Amino acid sequence: MSPSAGLRLDRWLFAARLVRRRTQAAALVAAKRIRRNGALVDKPHQRVRPGDVLTIVLPRHLVLCRVRAVAERRGPPEQAQHLYELLEGSDAWPP
């Protein structure tokens, strides 16, 4: 898959290690806790691309991040941190 085509939001959140399971990503979407470029995300299969800004409201954290890259697989934490850039206003991540 080319980076310009993007990656499913649930897969990207899992690869970036912002959630532990893809089902958690789907639950966040269902609870209306994720925005992409300011718009509420209504489907976990919505595509994210480099440059997109995500606002994620987790139970104890607010994560504002810019997508830097997409990855097909979940890698080690050091690799996952290169997939996004935390923006000002975000809680410290990882907790």
Protein backbone atom coordinates (compact mmCIF):
# COMPACT_ATOMS: atom_id res chain seq x y z
CA MET A 1 0.00 0.00 0.00
CA SER A 2 1.34 3.43 -0.83
CA PRO A 3 1.61 5.98 1.99
CA SER A 4 -0.64 8.38 0.05
CA ALA A 5 -3.48 5.83 0.21
CA GLY A 6 -3.32 5.92 4.00
CA LEU A 7 -4.14 3.26 6.53
CA ARG A 8 -7.26 2.34 8.47
CA LEU A 9 -7.52 4.41 11.64
CA ASP A 10 -7.88 1.37 13.90
CA ARG A 11 -4.80 -0.28 12.39
CA TRP A 12 -2.77 2.94 12.63
CA LEU A 13 -3.70 3.48 16.30
CA PHE A 14 -2.66 -0.10 17.03
CA ALA A 15 0.64 0.24 15.10
CA ALA A 16 1.39 3.57 16.83
CA ARG A 17 0.73 1.88 20.19
CA LEU A 18 -1.89 4.42 21.23
CA VAL A 19 -4.28 1.52 21.91
CA ARG A 20 -3.51 -2.06 22.91
CA ARG A 21 -6.07 -3.70 20.62
CA ARG A 22 -7.88 -2.67 17.46
CA THR A 23 -11.18 -3.30 19.23
CA GLN A 24 -10.24 -0.50 21.65
CA ALA A 25 -9.81 1.83 18.69
CA ALA A 26 -13.27 0.84 17.41
CA ALA A 27 -14.72 1.49 20.88
CA LEU A 28 -13.16 4.98 20.95
CA VAL A 29 -14.73 5.73 17.57
CA ALA A 30 -18.12 4.43 18.74
CA ALA A 31 -17.85 6.63 21.86
CA LYS A 32 -17.12 9.66 19.63
CA ARG A 33 -13.71 10.26 21.20
CA ILE A 34 -11.60 10.67 18.03
CA ARG A 35 -11.41 13.58 15.61
CA ARG A 36 -9.42 13.69 12.38
CA ASN A 37 -8.52 17.17 11.14
CA GLY A 38 -11.24 18.57 13.41
CA ALA A 39 -14.02 16.31 12.10
CA LEU A 40 -15.55 13.61 14.25
CA VAL A 41 -14.57 10.12 13.09
CA ASP A 42 -17.59 7.86 12.70
CA LYS A 43 -16.00 4.68 11.29
CA PRO A 44 -12.88 2.82 12.49
CA HIS A 45 -11.97 2.01 8.88
CA GLN A 46 -11.61 5.70 7.95
CA ARG A 47 -8.19 6.32 6.36
CA VAL A 48 -5.46 8.37 8.00
CA ARG A 49 -2.59 9.80 5.99
CA PRO A 50 0.66 11.56 6.85
CA GLY A 51 -0.14 15.14 7.81
CA ASP A 52 -3.52 14.36 9.40
CA VAL A 53 -4.07 15.76 12.90
CA LEU A 54 -5.80 13.43 15.36
CA THR A 55 -7.47 14.43 18.62
CA ILE A 56 -7.93 11.38 20.83
CA VAL A 57 -9.68 11.53 24.20
CA LEU A 58 -8.47 8.57 26.22
CA PRO A 59 -9.78 7.79 29.72
CA ARG A 60 -7.03 9.75 31.48
CA HIS A 61 -5.25 11.54 28.66
CA LEU A 62 -5.80 13.93 25.79
CA VAL A 63 -3.59 13.12 22.81
CA LEU A 64 -3.14 15.65 20.01
CA CYS A 65 -0.86 14.28 17.34
CA ARG A 66 0.12 14.72 13.72
CA VAL A 67 0.47 11.54 11.69
CA ARG A 68 4.03 11.36 10.35
CA ALA A 69 3.92 7.96 8.67
CA VAL A 70 1.86 4.82 8.29
CA ALA A 71 3.03 1.32 9.15
CA GLU A 72 1.47 -1.96 8.12
CA ARG A 73 2.69 -3.79 11.22
CA ARG A 74 2.99 -3.05 14.89
CA GLY A 75 6.64 -2.72 15.77
CA PRO A 76 8.60 -1.98 18.93
CA PRO A 77 7.76 1.17 20.92
CA GLU A 78 10.80 3.02 19.58
CA GLN A 79 9.59 2.50 16.03
CA ALA A 80 5.97 3.37 16.90
CA GLN A 81 7.01 6.79 18.26
CA HIS A 82 8.21 7.75 14.77
CA LEU A 83 4.69 7.35 13.37
CA TYR A 84 3.37 10.48 15.08
CA GLU A 85 4.37 13.85 16.50
CA LEU A 86 2.76 15.10 19.70
CA LEU A 87 1.35 18.60 19.40
CA GLU A 88 1.13 21.36 21.98
CA GLY A 89 -1.76 20.84 24.37
CA SER A 90 -1.32 17.07 24.43
CA ASP A 91 -0.74 15.22 27.68
CA ALA A 92 2.64 13.57 28.07
CA TRP A 93 2.66 10.34 26.08
CA PRO A 94 3.34 7.54 26.71
CA PRO A 95 2.01 7.89 30.25
